[in-house]
Amino acid sequence: MLCTRCQSRSRKRNRNSGLSLLEVIIATAILAGSGLALFSIIGMGSKYALRAEELTYAQHFAQSALDEWLTAPTNVGTEQTGTFEEAPQWNYRVESQWLEEPGLCAVTVEIFHSQNPQRVEAVEEPIYRFTRWVRVSTANSAGEVIP
């Protein structure tokens, strides 16, 4: 048998062994705060993932527009605009100009994303833009490339 002193200690330990209401409230608040921070990070991550996907599409379409221009580099010094058949909400603008070096021109491709597929002229900032220097044959006085 246990002595009376040991029994009273055992009872005190059983009575005080649970969590107080204050401890439960603090733990719940910490858990809720952590959950909110985690959901905020997940939201930002998905936003940046969508932006990265949009930039990937824009880069693909820009390379496609440049490749199309390179197949027939006529009318250097002009601007061409259009949409892509496979994605009509994406618009492009290709500008080309002669550089000081003979036979060298700069080709700038800009890609726009529009909610209105009929609108070819984009007034907003392009989503993606790059310039490539291209060596082409010399041009005649009208600015057309001579093969």
N, C-alpha and C. Protein backbone atom coordinates (compact mmCIF):
# COMPACT_ATOMS: atom_id res chain seq x y z
N MET A 1 0.81 -1.18 0.00
CA MET A 1 0.00 0.00 0.00
C MET A 1 0.86 1.25 0.00
N LEU A 2 0.28 2.30 -0.51
CA LEU A 2 1.00 3.57 -0.56
C LEU A 2 0.76 4.36 0.70
N CYS A 3 1.72 5.08 1.07
CA CYS A 3 1.54 5.93 2.24
C CYS A 3 0.63 7.10 1.89
N THR A 4 0.12 7.79 2.84
CA THR A 4 -0.82 8.88 2.61
C THR A 4 -0.17 10.03 1.86
N ARG A 5 1.08 10.26 2.10
CA ARG A 5 1.79 11.33 1.42
C ARG A 5 1.90 11.01 -0.08
N CYS A 6 2.20 9.78 -0.43
CA CYS A 6 2.30 9.36 -1.83
C CYS A 6 0.95 9.42 -2.51
N GLN A 7 -0.11 9.07 -1.82
CA GLN A 7 -1.45 9.12 -2.41
C GLN A 7 -1.86 10.55 -2.72
N SER A 8 -1.53 11.50 -1.84
CA SER A 8 -1.91 12.89 -2.09
C SER A 8 -1.12 13.46 -3.27
N ARG A 9 0.14 13.05 -3.40
CA ARG A 9 0.93 13.49 -4.56
C ARG A 9 0.33 12.93 -5.85
N SER A 10 -0.10 11.69 -5.81
CA SER A 10 -0.69 11.05 -6.97
C SER A 10 -1.97 11.77 -7.38
N ARG A 11 -2.79 12.16 -6.45
CA ARG A 11 -4.03 12.88 -6.76
C ARG A 11 -3.73 14.26 -7.35
N LYS A 12 -2.75 14.96 -6.80
CA LYS A 12 -2.39 16.28 -7.31
C LYS A 12 -1.87 16.16 -8.74
N ARG A 13 -1.09 15.14 -9.00
CA ARG A 13 -0.55 14.95 -10.33
C ARG A 13 -1.68 14.67 -11.32
N ASN A 14 -2.66 13.89 -10.97
CA ASN A 14 -3.77 13.58 -11.86
C ASN A 14 -4.62 14.82 -12.13
N ARG A 15 -4.83 15.63 -11.09
CA ARG A 15 -5.62 16.83 -11.25
C ARG A 15 -4.91 17.86 -12.13
N ASN A 16 -3.62 17.97 -12.10
CA ASN A 16 -2.84 18.98 -12.84
C ASN A 16 -2.19 18.43 -14.11
N SER A 17 -2.50 17.20 -14.48
CA SER A 17 -1.83 16.61 -15.63
C SER A 17 -2.41 17.06 -16.97
N GLY A 18 -3.58 17.66 -17.05
CA GLY A 18 -4.19 18.12 -18.30
C GLY A 18 -3.68 19.49 -18.71
N LEU A 19 -4.17 19.98 -19.86
CA LEU A 19 -3.79 21.29 -20.36
C LEU A 19 -4.82 22.32 -19.91
N SER A 20 -4.35 23.49 -19.63
CA SER A 20 -5.28 24.54 -19.25
C SER A 20 -5.93 25.12 -20.51
N LEU A 21 -7.01 25.83 -20.33
CA LEU A 21 -7.72 26.45 -21.44
C LEU A 21 -6.82 27.47 -22.15
N LEU A 22 -6.03 28.18 -21.42
CA LEU A 22 -5.12 29.16 -21.99
C LEU A 22 -4.09 28.50 -22.90
N GLU A 23 -3.55 27.37 -22.50
CA GLU A 23 -2.58 26.65 -23.32
C GLU A 23 -3.21 26.15 -24.62
N VAL A 24 -4.44 25.69 -24.54
CA VAL A 24 -5.15 25.21 -25.74
C VAL A 24 -5.40 26.37 -26.68
N ILE A 25 -5.82 27.52 -26.17
CA ILE A 25 -6.09 28.70 -27.00
C ILE A 25 -4.81 29.17 -27.68
N ILE A 26 -3.71 29.22 -26.96
CA ILE A 26 -2.43 29.65 -27.54
C ILE A 26 -1.98 28.67 -28.63
N ALA A 27 -2.10 27.39 -28.39
CA ALA A 27 -1.70 26.40 -29.38
C ALA A 27 -2.57 26.51 -30.63
N THR A 28 -3.87 26.74 -30.45
CA THR A 28 -4.78 26.89 -31.60
C THR A 28 -4.43 28.14 -32.39
N ALA A 29 -4.11 29.23 -31.71
CA ALA A 29 -3.74 30.47 -32.40
C ALA A 29 -2.45 30.29 -33.20
N ILE A 30 -1.49 29.61 -32.63
CA ILE A 30 -0.24 29.35 -33.36
C ILE A 30 -0.50 28.49 -34.58
N LEU A 31 -1.31 27.47 -34.45
CA LEU A 31 -1.65 26.59 -35.57
C LEU A 31 -2.39 27.36 -36.66
N ALA A 32 -3.35 28.22 -36.28
CA ALA A 32 -4.10 29.00 -37.26
C ALA A 32 -3.18 29.98 -37.99
N GLY A 33 -2.29 30.64 -37.25
CA GLY A 33 -1.35 31.56 -37.88
C GLY A 33 -0.43 30.86 -38.87
N SER A 34 0.03 29.69 -38.50
CA SER A 34 0.89 28.91 -39.41
C SER A 34 0.12 28.50 -40.66
N GLY A 35 -1.14 28.12 -40.48
CA GLY A 35 -1.97 27.74 -41.63
C GLY A 35 -2.20 28.90 -42.58
N LEU A 36 -2.47 30.08 -42.03
CA LEU A 36 -2.66 31.26 -42.89
C LEU A 36 -1.39 31.60 -43.65
N ALA A 37 -0.26 31.54 -43.00
CA ALA A 37 1.00 31.82 -43.69
C ALA A 37 1.25 30.80 -44.80
N LEU A 38 0.95 29.56 -44.54
CA LEU A 38 1.15 28.51 -45.54
C LEU A 38 0.24 28.71 -46.74
N PHE A 39 -1.03 29.04 -46.51
CA PHE A 39 -1.95 29.27 -47.62
C PHE A 39 -1.56 30.51 -48.42
N SER A 40 -1.01 31.50 -47.77
CA SER A 40 -0.54 32.69 -48.47
C SER A 40 0.62 32.34 -49.40
N ILE A 41 1.53 31.53 -48.91
CA ILE A 41 2.68 31.12 -49.73
C ILE A 41 2.22 30.27 -50.91
N ILE A 42 1.25 29.40 -50.69
CA ILE A 42 0.72 28.58 -51.78
C ILE A 42 0.06 29.46 -52.84
N GLY A 43 -0.68 30.48 -52.40
CA GLY A 43 -1.31 31.40 -53.34
C GLY A 43 -0.31 32.16 -54.18
N MET A 44 0.76 32.64 -53.54
CA MET A 44 1.81 33.34 -54.29
C MET A 44 2.49 32.40 -55.27
N GLY A 45 2.73 31.18 -54.85
CA GLY A 45 3.38 30.21 -55.72
C GLY A 45 2.56 29.92 -56.96
N SER A 46 1.25 29.78 -56.80
CA SER A 46 0.41 29.50 -57.96
C SER A 46 0.34 30.71 -58.88
N LYS A 47 0.35 31.93 -58.31
CA LYS A 47 0.35 33.13 -59.13
C LYS A 47 1.62 33.21 -59.98
N TYR A 48 2.77 32.95 -59.37
CA TYR A 48 4.02 33.00 -60.11
C TYR A 48 4.14 31.84 -61.11
N ALA A 49 3.53 30.71 -60.81
CA ALA A 49 3.53 29.59 -61.76
C ALA A 49 2.74 29.96 -63.01
N LEU A 50 1.60 30.63 -62.83
CA LEU A 50 0.82 31.07 -63.99
C LEU A 50 1.59 32.10 -64.81
N ARG A 51 2.29 33.00 -64.15
CA ARG A 51 3.09 34.00 -64.86
C ARG A 51 4.23 33.34 -65.64
N ALA A 52 4.86 32.34 -65.03
CA ALA A 52 5.94 31.62 -65.72
C ALA A 52 5.39 30.86 -66.92
N GLU A 53 4.21 30.31 -66.79
CA GLU A 53 3.61 29.61 -67.92
C GLU A 53 3.30 30.58 -69.06
N GLU A 54 2.79 31.77 -68.70
CA GLU A 54 2.50 32.78 -69.71
C GLU A 54 3.78 33.23 -70.43
N LEU A 55 4.86 33.41 -69.67
CA LEU A 55 6.13 33.80 -70.29
C LEU A 55 6.69 32.69 -71.19
N THR A 56 6.47 31.46 -70.80
CA THR A 56 6.93 30.34 -71.63
C THR A 56 6.19 30.32 -72.96
N TYR A 57 4.86 30.50 -72.90
CA TYR A 57 4.09 30.58 -74.15
C TYR A 57 4.56 31.76 -75.01
N ALA A 58 4.77 32.91 -74.37
CA ALA A 58 5.19 34.10 -75.11
C ALA A 58 6.55 33.87 -75.77
N GLN A 59 7.47 33.24 -75.07
CA GLN A 59 8.78 32.96 -75.65
C GLN A 59 8.66 32.00 -76.83
N HIS A 60 7.82 31.01 -76.71
CA HIS A 60 7.60 30.06 -77.81
C HIS A 60 7.03 30.78 -79.03
N PHE A 61 6.03 31.64 -78.81
CA PHE A 61 5.42 32.36 -79.92
C PHE A 61 6.38 33.37 -80.54
N ALA A 62 7.23 33.99 -79.71
CA ALA A 62 8.22 34.94 -80.24
C ALA A 62 9.22 34.22 -81.14
N GLN A 63 9.68 33.07 -80.71
CA GLN A 63 10.61 32.31 -81.54
C GLN A 63 9.94 31.87 -82.84
N SER A 64 8.67 31.52 -82.75
CA SER A 64 7.93 31.13 -83.95
C SER A 64 7.80 32.31 -84.92
N ALA A 65 7.50 33.49 -84.40
CA ALA A 65 7.37 34.67 -85.27
C ALA A 65 8.72 35.01 -85.91
N LEU A 66 9.81 34.90 -85.14
CA LEU A 66 11.13 35.17 -85.70
C LEU A 66 11.48 34.15 -86.78
N ASP A 67 11.20 32.88 -86.53
CA ASP A 67 11.47 31.84 -87.53
C ASP A 67 10.69 32.10 -88.81
N GLU A 68 9.46 32.55 -88.67
CA GLU A 68 8.65 32.85 -89.85
C GLU A 68 9.25 34.03 -90.62
N TRP A 69 9.72 35.05 -89.91
CA TRP A 69 10.34 36.20 -90.57
C TRP A 69 11.63 35.78 -91.25
N LEU A 70 12.40 34.90 -90.61
CA LEU A 70 13.68 34.47 -91.18
C LEU A 70 13.53 33.66 -92.46
N THR A 71 12.38 33.04 -92.66
CA THR A 71 12.19 32.27 -93.90
C THR A 71 12.17 33.17 -95.12
N ALA A 72 11.71 34.42 -94.96
CA ALA A 72 11.69 35.38 -96.06
C ALA A 72 11.93 36.77 -95.50
N PRO A 73 13.20 37.13 -95.27
CA PRO A 73 13.49 38.44 -94.65
C PRO A 73 13.35 39.59 -95.63
N THR A 74 12.14 39.83 -96.10
CA THR A 74 11.90 40.92 -97.04
C THR A 74 11.48 42.17 -96.28
N ASN A 75 11.58 43.28 -96.95
CA ASN A 75 11.15 44.57 -96.42
C ASN A 75 11.78 44.88 -95.06
N VAL A 76 13.09 44.82 -95.02
CA VAL A 76 13.78 45.22 -93.80
C VAL A 76 13.54 46.71 -93.60
N GLY A 77 13.23 47.10 -92.40
CA GLY A 77 12.90 48.48 -92.10
C GLY A 77 11.41 48.69 -91.94
N THR A 78 10.65 47.62 -91.97
CA THR A 78 9.20 47.73 -91.82
C THR A 78 8.75 46.99 -90.55
N GLU A 79 7.46 47.08 -90.30
CA GLU A 79 6.87 46.43 -89.13
C GLU A 79 5.76 45.50 -89.60
N GLN A 80 5.74 44.31 -89.04
CA GLN A 80 4.69 43.34 -89.35
C GLN A 80 3.97 42.99 -88.07
N THR A 81 2.64 42.91 -88.12
CA THR A 81 1.85 42.51 -86.96
C THR A 81 0.92 41.38 -87.36
N GLY A 82 0.47 40.63 -86.37
CA GLY A 82 -0.46 39.56 -86.66
C GLY A 82 -0.81 38.77 -85.42
N THR A 83 -1.59 37.73 -85.63
CA THR A 83 -1.97 36.81 -84.56
C THR A 83 -1.54 35.41 -84.97
N PHE A 84 -1.55 34.52 -84.03
CA PHE A 84 -1.19 33.13 -84.29
C PHE A 84 -2.47 32.32 -84.49
N GLU A 85 -2.48 31.50 -85.54
CA GLU A 85 -3.68 30.71 -85.83
C GLU A 85 -4.04 29.77 -84.69
N GLU A 86 -3.04 29.16 -84.08
CA GLU A 86 -3.30 28.19 -83.02
C GLU A 86 -3.70 28.84 -81.70
N ALA A 87 -3.44 30.15 -81.56
CA ALA A 87 -3.78 30.87 -80.33
C ALA A 87 -4.12 32.31 -80.70
N PRO A 88 -5.35 32.58 -81.09
CA PRO A 88 -5.69 33.93 -81.58
C PRO A 88 -5.62 35.03 -80.53
N GLN A 89 -5.55 34.69 -79.26
CA GLN A 89 -5.45 35.73 -78.23
C GLN A 89 -4.02 36.26 -78.08
N TRP A 90 -3.07 35.65 -78.78
CA TRP A 90 -1.67 36.09 -78.75
C TRP A 90 -1.38 36.88 -80.02
N ASN A 91 -0.87 38.10 -79.86
CA ASN A 91 -0.51 38.96 -80.98
C ASN A 91 0.99 39.15 -81.01
N TYR A 92 1.51 39.46 -82.19
CA TYR A 92 2.95 39.72 -82.31
C TYR A 92 3.20 40.93 -83.18
N ARG A 93 4.38 41.50 -82.98
CA ARG A 93 4.86 42.58 -83.83
C ARG A 93 6.33 42.29 -84.10
N VAL A 94 6.71 42.31 -85.38
CA VAL A 94 8.11 42.09 -85.78
C VAL A 94 8.59 43.36 -86.47
N GLU A 95 9.60 43.97 -85.90
CA GLU A 95 10.21 45.17 -86.49
C GLU A 95 11.63 44.82 -86.89
N SER A 96 12.02 45.30 -88.06
CA SER A 96 13.39 45.05 -88.52
C SER A 96 13.98 46.35 -89.02
N GLN A 97 15.27 46.51 -88.81
CA GLN A 97 15.96 47.71 -89.28
C GLN A 97 17.40 47.37 -89.60
N TRP A 98 17.92 48.07 -90.58
CA TRP A 98 19.31 47.86 -90.96
C TRP A 98 20.22 48.47 -89.92
N LEU A 99 21.35 47.83 -89.70
CA LEU A 99 22.38 48.35 -88.80
C LEU A 99 23.50 48.95 -89.64
N GLU A 100 24.48 49.55 -89.00
CA GLU A 100 25.58 50.19 -89.73
C GLU A 100 26.43 49.18 -90.49
N GLU A 101 26.58 48.01 -89.97
CA GLU A 101 27.35 46.95 -90.63
C GLU A 101 26.58 46.48 -91.86
N PRO A 102 27.17 46.45 -93.04
CA PRO A 102 26.47 46.01 -94.25
C PRO A 102 25.97 44.57 -94.12
N GLY A 103 24.73 44.38 -94.50
CA GLY A 103 24.13 43.05 -94.49
C GLY A 103 23.63 42.60 -93.13
N LEU A 104 23.70 43.46 -92.12
CA LEU A 104 23.29 43.10 -90.78
C LEU A 104 22.06 43.92 -90.39
N CYS A 105 21.04 43.24 -89.91
CA CYS A 105 19.85 43.96 -89.45
C CYS A 105 19.44 43.45 -88.08
N ALA A 106 18.73 44.30 -87.35
CA ALA A 106 18.21 43.94 -86.03
C ALA A 106 16.74 43.62 -86.18
N VAL A 107 16.34 42.48 -85.69
CA VAL A 107 14.94 42.06 -85.74
C VAL A 107 14.43 42.00 -84.30
N THR A 108 13.41 42.79 -84.02
CA THR A 108 12.81 42.83 -82.69
C THR A 108 11.43 42.20 -82.76
N VAL A 109 11.19 41.23 -81.89
CA VAL A 109 9.89 40.55 -81.82
C VAL A 109 9.26 40.89 -80.49
N GLU A 110 8.00 41.34 -80.53
CA GLU A 110 7.25 41.64 -79.32
C GLU A 110 5.98 40.79 -79.32
N ILE A 111 5.65 40.26 -78.15
CA ILE A 111 4.48 39.40 -78.00
C ILE A 111 3.51 40.05 -77.02
N PHE A 112 2.24 40.08 -77.41
CA PHE A 112 1.18 40.66 -76.59
C PHE A 112 0.11 39.59 -76.34
N HIS A 113 -0.51 39.66 -75.19
CA HIS A 113 -1.61 38.75 -74.87
C HIS A 113 -2.86 39.60 -74.75
N SER A 114 -3.85 39.32 -75.58
CA SER A 114 -5.05 40.14 -75.63
C SER A 114 -6.28 39.30 -75.33
N GLN A 115 -7.23 39.89 -74.62
CA GLN A 115 -8.50 39.21 -74.39
C GLN A 115 -9.37 39.25 -75.64
N ASN A 116 -9.11 40.23 -76.52
CA ASN A 116 -9.87 40.37 -77.76
C ASN A 116 -9.03 39.84 -78.91
N PRO A 117 -9.36 38.66 -79.43
CA PRO A 117 -8.53 38.06 -80.49
C PRO A 117 -8.51 38.87 -81.78
N GLN A 118 -9.48 39.75 -82.00
CA GLN A 118 -9.54 40.52 -83.25
C GLN A 118 -8.56 41.69 -83.22
N ARG A 119 -8.09 42.07 -82.06
CA ARG A 119 -7.24 43.24 -81.92
C ARG A 119 -5.78 42.88 -82.18
N VAL A 120 -5.29 43.27 -83.32
CA VAL A 120 -3.90 42.98 -83.68
C VAL A 120 -2.97 44.06 -83.13
N GLU A 121 -3.40 45.31 -83.22
CA GLU A 121 -2.58 46.42 -82.72
C GLU A 121 -2.66 46.43 -81.20
N ALA A 122 -1.56 46.24 -80.57
CA ALA A 122 -1.51 46.23 -79.10
C ALA A 122 -0.98 47.56 -78.61
N VAL A 123 -1.68 48.15 -77.66
CA VAL A 123 -1.24 49.43 -77.12
C VAL A 123 -0.55 49.24 -75.78
N GLU A 124 -0.76 48.12 -75.14
CA GLU A 124 -0.13 47.88 -73.84
C GLU A 124 1.31 47.40 -74.02
N GLU A 125 2.00 47.30 -72.92
CA GLU A 125 3.38 46.82 -72.94
C GLU A 125 3.41 45.35 -73.36
N PRO A 126 4.41 44.97 -74.13
CA PRO A 126 4.50 43.55 -74.52
C PRO A 126 4.84 42.67 -73.32
N ILE A 127 4.36 41.45 -73.37
CA ILE A 127 4.68 40.47 -72.33
C ILE A 127 6.12 40.00 -72.50
N TYR A 128 6.53 39.88 -73.75
CA TYR A 128 7.87 39.36 -74.03
C TYR A 128 8.43 40.11 -75.23
N ARG A 129 9.72 40.44 -75.17
CA ARG A 129 10.37 41.16 -76.26
C ARG A 129 11.82 40.69 -76.35
N PHE A 130 12.28 40.45 -77.56
CA PHE A 130 13.71 40.19 -77.74
C PHE A 130 14.16 40.70 -79.10
N THR A 131 15.44 40.98 -79.19
CA THR A 131 16.04 41.48 -80.42
C THR A 131 17.17 40.55 -80.82
N ARG A 132 17.18 40.20 -82.08
CA ARG A 132 18.23 39.34 -82.61
C ARG A 132 18.86 40.02 -83.82
N TRP A 133 20.17 40.00 -83.89
CA TRP A 133 20.86 40.51 -85.06
C TRP A 133 20.97 39.39 -86.07
N VAL A 134 20.62 39.72 -87.31
CA VAL A 134 20.58 38.71 -88.36
C VAL A 134 21.37 39.21 -89.55
N ARG A 135 22.18 38.33 -90.12
CA ARG A 135 22.90 38.67 -91.34
C ARG A 135 22.04 38.24 -92.52
N VAL A 136 21.71 39.23 -93.36
CA VAL A 136 20.90 38.96 -94.56
C VAL A 136 21.62 39.52 -95.77
N SER A 137 21.12 39.17 -96.93
CA SER A 137 21.71 39.69 -98.17
C SER A 137 21.50 41.19 -98.22
N THR A 138 22.19 41.86 -99.11
CA THR A 138 22.06 43.31 -99.23
C THR A 138 20.71 43.67 -99.80
N ALA A 139 20.30 44.92 -99.61
CA ALA A 139 18.98 45.36 -100.07
C ALA A 139 19.14 46.36 -101.19
N ASN A 140 18.06 46.47 -101.97
CA ASN A 140 18.07 47.49 -103.02
C ASN A 140 17.61 48.82 -102.43
N SER A 141 17.44 49.83 -103.27
CA SER A 141 17.11 51.17 -102.77
C SER A 141 15.71 51.24 -102.14
N ALA A 142 14.84 50.31 -102.48
CA ALA A 142 13.49 50.29 -101.89
C ALA A 142 13.48 49.61 -100.54
N GLY A 143 14.61 49.08 -100.09
CA GLY A 143 14.68 48.43 -98.79
C GLY A 143 14.34 46.95 -98.85
N GLU A 144 14.10 46.40 -100.04
CA GLU A 144 13.81 45.00 -100.18
C GLU A 144 15.11 44.20 -100.29
N VAL A 145 15.12 43.03 -99.73
CA VAL A 145 16.31 42.20 -99.72
C VAL A 145 16.53 41.61 -101.09
N ILE A 146 17.77 41.69 -101.57
CA ILE A 146 18.13 41.07 -102.84
C ILE A 146 18.73 39.70 -102.54
N PRO A 147 18.15 38.64 -103.07
CA PRO A 147 18.66 37.29 -102.77
C PRO A 147 20.03 37.03 -103.37
